[in-house]
Amino acid sequence: MLVRPAERQIRSWAIDSRRWDRYRPRPDDIVISTYPKCGTTWMQRIVSLLVFKTPEPQPVMKISPWIDRRFGLHLDAVIEEIEAQTHRRFLKAHLPRDAMPFFEEVKYIHVARDGRDACMSYHNHCVALTEEVVDRFDRIGVEDDAVGRPYPRPPADPSEFFHRWITRGEVPGEADGCPMMSFFNFVQSWWDVRDRPNVLLVHYNDLKADLPGQMRRIAAYLGIDVDEALWPSLVEAARFDTMRRDGNALMSNVASIFRGGKEAFFFKGTNGRWRDIISSEDLALYDAKVEALLSPDCAEWVERGAPTG
């Protein structure tokens, strides 16, 4: 049952929220919706391990399609691929709650991370894009009247990238997030529905601090039973170093998107790099955004992480 339709559109060089209009849910579907570089692929890998109950690498983009992605397969092909799946479906989104339809029978997982860490990782992501992908973004932007311009080239300097990210909006009504949507509006939208029984919030810090415990928490939320003897191999398969080792199998198309292939995509997975990079003035701007756009409890959770139920 549809609880709430999408309340707004988000169209950028990489995503188009209208593509979710074609989605027809199944009762046990799982939707993983995160801001870029907050642990999306990590959560897709965790869910794949729980669904398939094997540590063998699975091609993430194939088994967990990204519906709002507009620079890959035609939407008809994506929907056909999803409808043909016979395993329990788990889909990817880079959309805030209010930009996608919300169904009672679907389980939603939102993963968050300190915005400063997400931005540093996102910088590495953007500067590693191949020329072919950037050219595709240019064509998408020029051809879409809601965007109407080529893709903004990311500055090589991460401090400049952060300044632009915190001061320039690309989505109508938002004043930050370039070249995506506002980080702050995104995480607040999911925090606001955290008490719904079909929503689970997970923090990147908690995954790093207690991966086994968080995986068990996710399994319980999804109603998936795992044999005790299998848990150690599943947890090991979900560790960053293991995912980096298996990167070609997990992300078979990564070489066509990023210069440097899996090494560029699975870069560091660390936190705190921003401390020696971002100016005090821009950190003050970030703090002001947190105070203005996040509720106090959401702000505390986004920065530190903690179990939310």
Protein backbone atom coordinates (compact mmCIF):
# COMPACT_ATOMS: atom_id res chain seq x y z
CA MET A 1 0.00 0.00 0.00
CA LEU A 2 1.27 3.46 -0.90
CA VAL A 3 1.63 5.48 2.30
CA ARG A 4 2.91 8.63 0.70
CA PRO A 5 3.72 9.50 -2.94
CA ALA A 6 6.85 11.41 -3.84
CA GLU A 7 6.37 15.02 -2.80
CA ARG A 8 9.00 16.54 -5.07
CA GLN A 9 11.26 15.76 -8.00
CA ILE A 10 15.02 15.67 -7.94
CA ARG A 11 16.75 15.78 -11.30
CA SER A 12 20.48 16.18 -11.69
CA TRP A 13 23.22 14.94 -13.99
CA ALA A 14 23.30 11.57 -12.23
CA ILE A 15 19.78 10.93 -10.92
CA ASP A 16 16.14 11.38 -11.84
CA SER A 17 13.63 10.63 -9.09
CA ARG A 18 10.79 10.30 -11.63
CA ARG A 19 12.18 6.89 -12.58
CA TRP A 20 10.67 5.50 -9.34
CA ASP A 21 7.19 6.10 -10.79
CA ARG A 22 7.63 2.83 -12.70
CA TYR A 23 8.51 0.81 -9.58
CA ARG A 24 5.95 -1.75 -8.43
CA PRO A 25 6.77 -3.17 -4.97
CA ARG A 26 6.71 -6.73 -3.78
CA PRO A 27 5.76 -7.37 -0.12
CA ASP A 28 9.31 -8.23 0.97
CA ASP A 29 11.27 -5.64 -1.05
CA ILE A 30 14.17 -3.79 0.54
CA VAL A 31 15.20 -0.28 -0.51
CA ILE A 32 18.63 1.02 0.53
CA SER A 33 18.63 4.81 0.26
CA THR A 34 21.74 6.79 1.16
CA TYR A 35 23.47 10.03 0.38
CA PRO A 36 26.48 9.31 -1.89
CA LYS A 37 29.54 7.88 -0.16
CA CYS A 38 27.82 7.09 3.11
CA GLY A 39 28.08 3.32 2.86
CA THR A 40 25.72 2.46 -0.01
CA THR A 41 27.74 -0.37 -1.56
CA TRP A 42 28.70 -1.59 1.91
CA MET A 43 25.03 -1.95 2.84
CA GLN A 44 24.19 -3.57 -0.50
CA ARG A 45 26.95 -6.10 0.15
CA ILE A 46 25.71 -6.77 3.69
CA VAL A 47 22.15 -7.30 2.50
CA SER A 48 23.33 -9.55 -0.34
CA LEU A 49 25.22 -11.69 2.19
CA LEU A 50 22.09 -12.01 4.31
CA VAL A 51 19.75 -12.69 1.37
CA PHE A 52 21.95 -15.23 -0.42
CA LYS A 53 23.65 -16.60 2.73
CA THR A 54 27.01 -17.10 1.04
CA PRO A 55 30.28 -15.15 1.27
CA GLU A 56 30.86 -15.53 -2.48
CA PRO A 57 31.06 -12.13 -4.26
CA GLN A 58 27.88 -11.10 -6.06
CA PRO A 59 27.71 -8.41 -8.79
CA VAL A 60 26.16 -5.57 -6.80
CA MET A 61 24.84 -3.45 -9.66
CA LYS A 62 23.18 -6.50 -11.23
CA ILE A 63 21.49 -7.96 -8.17
CA SER A 64 20.68 -4.60 -6.55
CA PRO A 65 19.73 -2.14 -9.32
CA TRP A 66 19.90 1.62 -8.84
CA ILE A 67 16.56 2.84 -10.19
CA ASP A 68 17.13 6.62 -10.09
CA ARG A 69 20.46 6.37 -11.91
CA ARG A 70 20.00 8.07 -15.27
CA PHE A 71 23.38 7.46 -16.93
CA GLY A 72 23.19 3.69 -17.21
CA LEU A 73 20.60 1.34 -18.67
CA HIS A 74 17.38 2.66 -20.17
CA LEU A 75 14.59 2.63 -17.59
CA ASP A 76 12.67 -0.04 -19.50
CA ALA A 77 15.65 -2.38 -19.20
CA VAL A 78 16.08 -1.63 -15.48
CA ILE A 79 12.42 -2.36 -14.71
CA GLU A 80 12.55 -5.54 -16.80
CA GLU A 81 15.64 -6.63 -14.87
CA ILE A 82 13.99 -5.96 -11.52
CA GLU A 83 10.76 -7.73 -12.45
CA ALA A 84 12.70 -10.80 -13.59
CA GLN A 85 14.46 -11.23 -10.24
CA THR A 86 13.38 -14.27 -8.25
CA HIS A 87 15.44 -13.64 -5.10
CA ARG A 88 14.32 -11.22 -2.43
CA ARG A 89 14.82 -7.85 -4.09
CA PHE A 90 16.99 -5.12 -2.60
CA LEU A 91 17.21 -1.89 -4.55
CA LYS A 92 19.44 1.15 -4.36
CA ALA A 93 18.45 4.82 -4.23
CA HIS A 94 20.25 8.10 -3.71
CA LEU A 95 17.09 9.97 -2.77
CA PRO A 96 15.66 11.66 0.30
CA ARG A 97 12.43 10.20 1.64
CA ASP A 98 10.24 12.96 0.19
CA ALA A 99 11.50 12.42 -3.38
CA MET A 100 10.43 8.78 -3.66
CA PRO A 101 7.19 6.83 -3.12
CA PHE A 102 6.89 5.31 0.34
CA PHE A 103 5.18 1.92 0.64
CA GLU A 104 4.00 0.17 3.79
CA GLU A 105 5.13 -3.29 2.63
CA VAL A 106 8.69 -2.23 1.71
CA LYS A 107 11.59 -2.29 4.18
CA TYR A 108 13.76 0.85 3.96
CA ILE A 109 17.37 1.09 5.15
CA HIS A 110 19.03 4.49 5.39
CA VAL A 111 22.77 4.69 6.06
CA ALA A 112 24.26 7.98 7.27
CA ARG A 113 27.74 9.33 7.86
CA ASP A 114 29.26 12.58 9.11
CA GLY A 115 28.76 15.00 6.23
CA ARG A 116 32.37 16.13 6.28
CA ASP A 117 33.58 12.57 5.82
CA ALA A 118 30.99 11.91 3.11
CA CYS A 119 32.11 15.02 1.23
CA MET A 120 35.79 14.05 1.33
CA SER A 121 34.93 10.62 -0.04
CA TYR A 122 32.60 12.16 -2.62
CA HIS A 123 35.44 14.40 -3.84
CA ASN A 124 37.56 11.34 -4.56
CA HIS A 125 34.57 9.80 -6.35
CA CYS A 126 33.96 12.85 -8.55
CA VAL A 127 37.56 13.51 -9.60
CA ALA A 128 37.98 9.83 -10.56
CA LEU A 129 35.09 9.77 -13.04
CA THR A 130 36.14 8.87 -16.58
CA GLU A 131 35.79 11.40 -19.39
CA GLU A 132 33.12 9.21 -20.97
CA VAL A 133 30.94 9.49 -17.86
CA VAL A 134 31.51 13.24 -17.57
CA ASP A 135 30.59 13.70 -21.25
CA ARG A 136 27.43 11.71 -20.63
CA PHE A 137 26.61 13.97 -17.68
CA ASP A 138 27.08 16.99 -19.96
CA ARG A 139 24.57 15.64 -22.47
CA ILE A 140 22.06 14.75 -19.75
CA GLY A 141 22.30 18.21 -18.19
CA VAL A 142 21.95 20.12 -21.45
CA GLU A 143 19.04 17.99 -22.68
CA ASP A 144 17.06 18.21 -19.41
CA ASP A 145 15.35 21.60 -19.01
CA ALA A 146 15.27 21.09 -15.22
CA VAL A 147 19.10 21.06 -15.23
CA GLY A 148 19.90 23.02 -18.38
CA ARG A 149 23.70 23.08 -18.20
CA PRO A 150 26.79 20.87 -18.44
CA TYR A 151 28.14 18.98 -15.47
CA PRO A 152 30.24 21.20 -13.14
CA ARG A 153 33.82 19.94 -13.16
CA PRO A 154 35.03 19.15 -9.63
CA PRO A 155 38.05 21.13 -8.39
CA ALA A 156 41.13 19.01 -7.79
CA ASP A 157 41.62 20.60 -4.37
CA PRO A 158 39.34 18.86 -1.82
CA SER A 159 39.06 22.06 0.25
CA GLU A 160 37.68 23.90 -2.79
CA PHE A 161 35.31 21.01 -3.45
CA PHE A 162 34.04 21.19 0.14
CA HIS A 163 33.53 24.96 -0.08
CA ARG A 164 31.44 24.56 -3.22
CA TRP A 165 29.54 21.61 -1.71
CA ILE A 166 28.62 23.59 1.40
CA THR A 167 27.76 26.88 -0.36
CA ARG A 168 26.22 25.95 -3.74
CA GLY A 169 22.95 24.15 -4.37
CA GLU A 170 21.95 22.42 -7.59
CA VAL A 171 18.45 21.24 -6.68
CA PRO A 172 15.70 23.91 -6.67
CA GLY A 173 15.05 25.15 -3.15
CA GLU A 174 18.36 23.85 -1.75
CA ALA A 175 21.45 25.95 -1.02
CA ASP A 176 24.14 23.28 -0.75
CA GLY A 177 25.21 19.85 -2.03
CA CYS A 178 26.80 20.59 -5.42
CA PRO A 179 26.86 18.49 -7.60
CA MET A 180 24.09 16.51 -5.84
CA MET A 181 21.22 17.39 -3.52
CA SER A 182 21.54 18.82 0.00
CA PHE A 183 23.13 16.38 2.44
CA PHE A 184 21.27 17.99 5.34
CA ASN A 185 17.78 17.82 3.84
CA PHE A 186 18.49 14.24 2.81
CA VAL A 187 19.42 12.85 6.22
CA GLN A 188 16.73 14.84 8.05
CA SER A 189 14.07 13.41 5.72
CA TRP A 190 14.95 9.88 6.80
CA TRP A 191 15.45 10.80 10.46
CA ASP A 192 11.89 12.13 10.50
CA VAL A 193 10.47 8.66 9.70
CA ARG A 194 12.88 6.67 11.90
CA ASP A 195 10.09 5.47 14.19
CA ARG A 196 8.16 3.74 11.42
CA PRO A 197 8.42 -0.06 11.72
CA ASN A 198 9.56 -0.41 8.09
CA VAL A 199 12.50 2.03 8.41
CA LEU A 200 15.95 1.18 9.78
CA LEU A 201 18.65 3.80 10.29
CA VAL A 202 22.26 2.62 10.31
CA HIS A 203 25.35 4.73 10.87
CA TYR A 204 28.70 4.30 9.11
CA ASN A 205 30.56 4.69 12.41
CA ASP A 206 28.57 1.86 13.97
CA LEU A 207 29.33 -0.43 11.03
CA LYS A 208 33.04 0.30 11.49
CA ALA A 209 32.90 -0.13 15.28
CA ASP A 210 30.80 -3.30 15.46
CA LEU A 211 30.20 -4.90 12.08
CA PRO A 212 29.04 -8.26 13.50
CA GLY A 213 26.56 -6.58 15.83
CA GLN A 214 25.19 -4.30 13.13
CA MET A 215 24.84 -7.17 10.66
CA ARG A 216 22.82 -9.10 13.23
CA ARG A 217 20.69 -6.01 13.83
CA ILE A 218 20.03 -5.69 10.08
CA ALA A 219 19.23 -9.41 9.77
CA ALA A 220 16.72 -9.17 12.64
CA TYR A 221 15.06 -6.13 11.04
CA LEU A 222 14.75 -7.96 7.70
CA GLY A 223 13.49 -11.15 9.36
CA ILE A 224 16.39 -13.22 8.03
CA ASP A 225 17.66 -16.17 10.05
CA VAL A 226 21.33 -17.08 9.59
CA ASP A 227 22.97 -20.28 10.79
CA GLU A 228 25.45 -19.48 13.57
CA ALA A 229 28.20 -21.40 11.79
CA LEU A 230 27.85 -19.12 8.76
CA TRP A 231 28.14 -15.78 10.57
CA PRO A 232 31.98 -15.51 10.70
CA SER A 233 32.37 -15.96 6.93
CA LEU A 234 29.60 -13.47 6.17
CA VAL A 235 31.10 -10.83 8.46
CA GLU A 236 34.56 -11.35 6.97
CA ALA A 237 33.11 -10.94 3.47
CA ALA A 238 31.58 -7.59 4.50
CA ARG A 239 34.83 -6.06 5.76
CA PHE A 240 36.27 -3.18 3.73
CA ASP A 241 39.54 -4.93 2.90
CA THR A 242 37.69 -8.01 1.66
CA MET A 243 35.32 -5.92 -0.45
CA ARG A 244 38.30 -4.07 -1.93
CA ARG A 245 39.98 -7.39 -2.75
CA ASP A 246 36.78 -8.65 -4.39
CA GLY A 247 36.06 -5.30 -6.04
CA ASN A 248 36.13 -6.51 -9.63
CA ALA A 249 33.55 -9.19 -8.91
CA LEU A 250 31.37 -6.91 -6.78
CA MET A 251 31.52 -3.91 -9.12
CA SER A 252 32.24 -5.39 -12.54
CA ASN A 253 31.48 -2.13 -14.36
CA VAL A 254 33.62 0.08 -12.15
CA ALA A 255 36.49 0.38 -14.66
CA SER A 256 34.16 2.04 -17.17
CA ILE A 257 33.08 4.64 -14.61
CA PHE A 258 36.23 5.41 -12.60
CA ARG A 259 39.82 5.96 -13.61
CA GLY A 260 41.70 3.53 -11.41
CA GLY A 261 38.88 0.99 -11.29
CA LYS A 262 38.18 -0.72 -7.98
CA GLU A 263 41.04 1.10 -6.21
CA ALA A 264 39.36 4.42 -6.97
CA PHE A 265 35.91 3.20 -5.94
CA PHE A 266 36.95 1.34 -2.78
CA PHE A 267 39.33 4.14 -1.81
CA LYS A 268 40.02 4.37 1.92
CA GLY A 269 36.80 3.93 3.90
CA THR A 270 38.28 6.07 6.67
CA ASN A 271 36.94 9.02 8.65
CA GLY A 272 38.46 12.30 9.78
CA ARG A 273 40.49 13.20 6.66
CA TRP A 274 38.69 16.54 6.58
CA ARG A 275 40.40 17.75 9.77
CA ASP A 276 43.61 18.73 7.98
CA ILE A 277 41.92 19.86 4.77
CA ILE A 278 38.89 22.05 5.39
CA SER A 279 39.39 25.67 6.48
CA SER A 280 38.06 26.90 9.80
CA GLU A 281 35.74 29.26 7.91
CA ASP A 282 34.17 26.40 5.94
CA LEU A 283 33.90 24.24 9.06
CA ALA A 284 31.98 27.10 10.65
CA LEU A 285 29.68 27.15 7.60
CA TYR A 286 29.12 23.42 8.02
CA ASP A 287 28.28 23.85 11.72
CA ALA A 288 25.82 26.61 10.83
CA LYS A 289 24.10 24.35 8.31
CA VAL A 290 23.86 21.57 10.89
CA GLU A 291 22.25 23.94 13.37
CA ALA A 292 19.84 25.42 10.84
CA LEU A 293 18.79 22.30 8.91
CA LEU A 294 19.06 19.35 11.30
CA SER A 295 17.11 18.76 14.47
CA PRO A 296 19.42 18.49 17.52
CA ASP A 297 18.92 14.73 17.90
CA CYS A 298 19.50 14.13 14.19
CA ALA A 299 22.63 16.30 14.26
CA GLU A 300 24.09 14.33 17.15
CA TRP A 301 23.37 11.00 15.46
CA VAL A 302 24.80 12.09 12.10
CA GLU A 303 28.07 13.18 13.72
CA ARG A 304 28.63 10.31 16.12
CA GLY A 305 26.29 7.45 15.35
CA ALA A 306 24.44 5.34 17.86
CA PRO A 307 21.81 2.61 17.83
CA THR A 308 18.41 4.07 17.01
CA GLY A 309 16.27 1.02 17.74
